């Protein structure tokens, strides 16, 4: 479980989060909504330990451990994963090589023997089959010339192989059409099958949530939690906008 207790966060001297308290439970899909500039991405980045974001007050707990001062790599090793809005491309590095390197780094951290190319291939083949990906996909260079949908498929493939415990999807649906959003949502559901993986979905739009069916929804406004509830809260925002909620917290 991730417990966020009254955190205040600054970016380059400007306070963005102003006393946020939230809980993200294992095995649940939880949505984080809010207008632009409300602090959604800031929350995601402070959770994974991005050095640009400074925690000035409050605490962050992961399964009862205070990780407020942990570095990004320590949090990643503990099972936190952030999906970027715009994942970078790496020319010359194939998806297959990148994924084997990532999985082996995880195995070495656990004291396990790294996979050889021969050992890793059937695992990768099983993953791309489960996600209905073209086998040629893994021979391409990482994100080079990829469409928005292809970049997201790459991240889902990464999730399936790494199996992180807590996944932060920061506007994963940004720039995708409805068909691509549906494909990404289906991939996420497959990744979560028979696991206790927790998904935190940060988004502006309800369409992605329709396909994912979140267990709970929270709304950020001006750096604070303005409302929390079930999926019906997202449906209300879809019909009425954020105004009815944020006006009470202006």
Protein backbone atom coordinates (compact mmCIF):
# COMPACT_ATOMS: atom_id res chain seq x y z
CA UNK A 1 0.00 0.00 0.00
CA UNK A 2 1.13 3.54 -0.79
CA UNK A 3 0.20 6.07 1.89
CA UNK A 4 0.67 9.77 1.19
CA UNK A 5 0.37 11.89 4.31
CA UNK A 6 -0.03 15.67 4.07
CA UNK A 7 2.72 16.17 1.49
CA UNK A 8 3.84 19.58 0.27
CA UNK A 9 5.99 19.62 -2.86
CA UNK A 10 7.99 22.38 -4.53
CA UNK A 11 9.36 22.61 -8.06
CA UNK A 12 12.11 25.21 -8.50
CA UNK A 13 10.90 27.12 -5.45
CA UNK A 14 7.20 27.10 -6.36
CA UNK A 15 4.86 25.06 -4.18
CA UNK A 16 2.69 22.77 -6.33
CA UNK A 17 1.22 20.29 -3.84
CA UNK A 18 -0.20 21.90 -0.71
CA UNK A 19 -1.09 19.16 1.73
CA UNK A 20 -2.12 16.05 -0.21
CA UNK A 21 -3.15 12.87 1.60
CA UNK A 22 -4.11 9.78 -0.41
CA UNK A 23 -3.92 5.99 -0.18
CA UNK A 24 -3.33 3.63 -3.10
CA UNK A 25 -4.26 0.04 -2.25
CA UNK A 26 -2.78 -3.16 -3.73
CA UNK A 27 -4.73 -4.81 -6.52
CA UNK A 28 -6.86 -1.74 -7.25
CA UNK A 29 -7.22 0.66 -10.17
CA UNK A 30 -7.43 4.20 -8.85
CA UNK A 31 -7.91 7.29 -11.00
CA UNK A 32 -6.47 10.74 -10.38
CA UNK A 33 -8.25 13.54 -12.22
CA UNK A 34 -7.93 17.31 -12.29
CA UNK A 35 -7.55 20.30 -14.61
CA UNK A 36 -4.19 21.32 -16.05
CA UNK A 37 -1.79 22.57 -13.39
CA UNK A 38 -3.61 20.86 -10.52
CA UNK A 39 -0.56 18.82 -9.49
CA UNK A 40 -1.30 15.38 -10.92
CA UNK A 41 2.05 14.85 -12.66
CA UNK A 42 3.87 16.43 -9.73
CA UNK A 43 2.35 13.80 -7.45
CA UNK A 44 3.48 11.01 -9.78
CA UNK A 45 7.02 12.36 -9.98
CA UNK A 46 7.43 12.87 -6.23
CA UNK A 47 6.24 9.30 -5.63
CA UNK A 48 8.99 7.87 -7.83
CA UNK A 49 11.66 10.19 -6.43
CA UNK A 50 12.33 12.54 -9.35
CA UNK A 51 15.17 14.83 -8.16
CA UNK A 52 13.57 17.97 -9.61
CA UNK A 53 10.69 17.71 -7.15
CA UNK A 54 11.30 18.63 -3.50
CA UNK A 55 9.25 17.23 -0.62
CA UNK A 56 9.10 20.03 1.95
CA UNK A 57 6.55 18.55 4.34
CA UNK A 58 4.72 15.28 4.94
CA UNK A 59 5.63 11.63 4.39
CA UNK A 60 5.30 8.88 1.78
CA UNK A 61 4.98 5.28 2.96
CA UNK A 62 5.29 2.11 0.88
CA UNK A 63 3.97 -0.97 2.67
CA UNK A 64 4.59 0.71 6.01
CA UNK A 65 8.12 1.91 5.21
CA UNK A 66 8.85 5.63 5.06
CA UNK A 67 10.36 6.14 1.59
CA UNK A 68 10.27 9.95 1.69
CA UNK A 69 14.07 10.21 1.44
CA UNK A 70 14.65 7.22 -0.87
CA UNK A 71 16.28 7.84 -4.23
CA UNK A 72 14.54 7.00 -7.50
CA UNK A 73 16.44 3.74 -8.05
CA UNK A 74 15.58 2.53 -4.54
CA UNK A 75 11.90 3.17 -5.15
CA UNK A 76 12.05 1.40 -8.52
CA UNK A 77 13.65 -1.63 -6.87
CA UNK A 78 10.82 -1.61 -4.33
CA UNK A 79 8.29 -1.94 -7.15
CA UNK A 80 7.29 1.59 -8.25
CA UNK A 81 6.94 2.21 -12.00
CA UNK A 82 6.11 5.47 -13.78
CA UNK A 83 4.80 5.44 -17.34
CA UNK A 84 5.89 8.65 -19.07
CA UNK A 85 3.61 10.78 -21.23
CA UNK A 86 6.32 10.91 -23.90
CA UNK A 87 8.76 7.97 -23.54
CA UNK A 88 12.14 8.74 -25.16
CA UNK A 89 13.48 6.94 -28.23
CA UNK A 90 16.86 5.20 -28.13
CA UNK A 91 18.31 4.63 -31.62
CA UNK A 92 20.42 1.50 -31.97
CA UNK A 93 18.86 -0.34 -29.02
CA UNK A 94 16.25 -2.93 -29.94
CA UNK A 95 13.19 -3.50 -27.81
CA UNK A 96 14.33 -7.07 -27.21
CA UNK A 97 17.73 -5.94 -25.89
CA UNK A 98 16.24 -3.17 -23.77
CA UNK A 99 13.72 -5.49 -22.14
CA UNK A 100 16.27 -8.22 -21.40
CA UNK A 101 18.57 -5.62 -19.82
CA UNK A 102 15.73 -4.27 -17.67
CA UNK A 103 14.57 -7.72 -16.55
CA UNK A 104 18.14 -8.82 -15.78
CA UNK A 105 18.76 -5.70 -13.70
CA UNK A 106 15.68 -6.59 -11.70
CA UNK A 107 16.84 -10.21 -11.30
CA UNK A 108 20.32 -9.19 -10.18
CA UNK A 109 18.78 -6.90 -7.58
CA UNK A 110 16.93 -9.94 -6.23
CA UNK A 111 20.08 -12.04 -6.21
CA UNK A 112 18.93 -14.11 -9.20
CA UNK A 113 20.98 -15.22 -12.19
CA UNK A 114 20.47 -13.01 -15.28
CA UNK A 115 18.83 -14.51 -18.36
CA UNK A 116 20.88 -15.37 -21.41
CA UNK A 117 19.45 -14.47 -24.82
CA UNK A 118 18.33 -18.08 -25.28
CA UNK A 119 16.63 -18.18 -21.87
CA UNK A 120 14.90 -14.83 -22.32
CA UNK A 121 13.50 -15.44 -25.81
CA UNK A 122 10.62 -17.79 -24.82
CA UNK A 123 9.56 -15.41 -22.04
CA UNK A 124 9.47 -12.52 -24.48
CA UNK A 125 7.63 -14.60 -27.08
CA UNK A 126 4.99 -15.55 -24.50
CA UNK A 127 4.54 -11.88 -23.55
CA UNK A 128 4.09 -10.59 -27.10
CA UNK A 129 1.65 -13.42 -27.82
CA UNK A 130 -0.42 -12.53 -24.75
CA UNK A 131 -0.59 -8.90 -25.87
CA UNK A 132 -1.31 -9.83 -29.53
CA UNK A 133 1.77 -7.96 -30.78
CA UNK A 134 3.51 -8.56 -34.10
CA UNK A 135 6.70 -10.62 -33.48
CA UNK A 136 8.65 -8.09 -35.56
CA UNK A 137 7.79 -5.40 -33.00
CA UNK A 138 10.63 -6.44 -30.66
CA UNK A 139 13.24 -6.11 -33.42
CA UNK A 140 12.59 -2.40 -33.80
CA UNK A 141 14.70 0.27 -32.10
CA UNK A 142 13.21 1.52 -28.84
CA UNK A 143 10.43 4.02 -29.62
CA UNK A 144 12.19 5.20 -32.80
CA UNK A 145 9.54 6.34 -35.28
CA UNK A 146 6.81 4.94 -33.05
CA UNK A 147 3.28 6.27 -33.06
CA UNK A 148 1.74 7.22 -29.73
CA UNK A 149 -0.07 3.90 -29.59
CA UNK A 150 3.10 1.92 -30.32
CA UNK A 151 4.97 3.69 -27.51
CA UNK A 152 2.22 2.72 -25.09
CA UNK A 153 2.24 -0.90 -26.29
CA UNK A 154 5.97 -0.92 -25.57
CA UNK A 155 5.34 0.23 -22.01
CA UNK A 156 2.65 -2.41 -21.49
CA UNK A 157 5.06 -5.08 -22.71
CA UNK A 158 7.57 -3.73 -20.20
CA UNK A 159 4.96 -3.95 -17.42
CA UNK A 160 4.12 -7.54 -18.30
CA UNK A 161 7.75 -8.63 -18.07
CA UNK A 162 8.79 -6.57 -15.04
CA UNK A 163 5.57 -6.99 -13.03
CA UNK A 164 6.02 -3.91 -10.81
CA UNK A 165 3.77 -3.71 -7.76
CA UNK A 166 2.65 -0.11 -8.19
CA UNK A 167 2.18 1.48 -11.61
CA UNK A 168 1.64 5.20 -12.21
CA UNK A 169 0.19 5.87 -15.66
CA UNK A 170 0.74 9.59 -16.30
CA UNK A 171 -1.68 10.59 -19.08
CA UNK A 172 -1.07 7.36 -20.94
CA UNK A 173 -4.11 8.15 -23.10
CA UNK A 174 -2.71 11.52 -24.24
CA UNK A 175 -2.77 11.85 -28.03
CA UNK A 176 -4.38 8.45 -28.62
CA UNK A 177 -7.55 7.83 -30.59
CA UNK A 178 -10.41 5.77 -29.15
CA UNK A 179 -9.25 2.50 -30.71
CA UNK A 180 -5.72 2.94 -29.36
CA UNK A 181 -7.06 3.81 -25.90
CA UNK A 182 -9.15 0.64 -25.91
CA UNK A 183 -6.14 -1.44 -26.98
CA UNK A 184 -3.99 0.03 -24.20
CA UNK A 185 -6.70 -0.58 -21.60
CA UNK A 186 -7.09 -4.20 -22.72
CA UNK A 187 -3.32 -4.63 -22.44
CA UNK A 188 -3.31 -3.26 -18.91
CA UNK A 189 -6.07 -5.65 -17.89
CA UNK A 190 -4.06 -8.57 -19.26
CA UNK A 191 -0.94 -7.43 -17.40
CA UNK A 192 -2.90 -7.35 -14.13
CA UNK A 193 -4.39 -10.83 -14.48
CA UNK A 194 -3.82 -12.93 -11.35
CA UNK A 195 -1.66 -10.26 -9.71
CA UNK A 196 -1.97 -7.71 -6.89
CA UNK A 197 -0.61 -4.96 -9.15
CA UNK A 198 -1.94 -1.53 -8.24
CA UNK A 199 -2.63 0.94 -11.06
CA UNK A 200 -2.89 4.71 -10.56
CA UNK A 201 -4.33 6.33 -13.70
CA UNK A 202 -3.64 10.05 -14.16
CA UNK A 203 -5.84 11.45 -16.92
CA UNK A 204 -7.99 14.33 -18.15
CA UNK A 205 -10.49 12.12 -19.92
CA UNK A 206 -13.21 9.68 -18.98
CA UNK A 207 -12.93 7.45 -22.06
CA UNK A 208 -9.81 5.66 -20.74
CA UNK A 209 -11.56 5.11 -17.41
CA UNK A 210 -14.60 3.62 -19.16
CA UNK A 211 -12.38 0.83 -20.46
CA UNK A 212 -10.47 0.36 -17.17
CA UNK A 213 -13.36 0.67 -14.66
CA UNK A 214 -11.43 2.19 -11.73
CA UNK A 215 -12.24 1.19 -8.16
CA UNK A 216 -11.93 4.77 -6.90
CA UNK A 217 -11.47 8.31 -8.21
CA UNK A 218 -9.79 11.36 -6.64
CA UNK A 219 -9.72 14.92 -7.97
CA UNK A 220 -6.82 17.33 -7.49
CA UNK A 221 -7.37 21.07 -7.70
CA UNK A 222 -4.78 23.77 -6.99
CA UNK A 223 -2.50 21.27 -5.28
CA UNK A 224 -5.09 19.78 -2.95
CA UNK A 225 -7.53 16.86 -2.99
CA UNK A 226 -10.87 18.42 -3.93
CA UNK A 227 -13.01 15.27 -3.97
CA UNK A 228 -12.85 11.48 -3.75
CA UNK A 229 -15.37 8.80 -4.61
CA UNK A 230 -16.21 5.96 -6.95
CA UNK A 231 -16.40 5.84 -10.73
CA UNK A 232 -19.60 7.88 -10.56
CA UNK A 233 -17.41 10.89 -9.69
CA UNK A 234 -15.62 10.56 -13.04
CA UNK A 235 -18.98 10.23 -14.79
CA UNK A 236 -20.20 13.42 -13.09
CA UNK A 237 -17.08 15.28 -14.24
CA UNK A 238 -17.60 13.97 -17.78
CA UNK A 239 -21.08 15.52 -17.83
CA UNK A 240 -20.51 18.71 -15.83
CA UNK A 241 -16.78 19.38 -16.00
CA UNK A 242 -14.59 20.14 -13.00
CA UNK A 243 -16.46 23.35 -12.17
CA UNK A 244 -19.04 21.85 -9.83
CA UNK A 245 -16.31 20.24 -7.76
CA UNK A 246 -13.56 22.83 -7.87
CA UNK A 247 -15.85 25.80 -7.16
CA UNK A 248 -16.29 24.48 -3.64
CA UNK A 249 -12.51 24.59 -3.16
CA UNK A 250 -11.67 27.87 -4.87
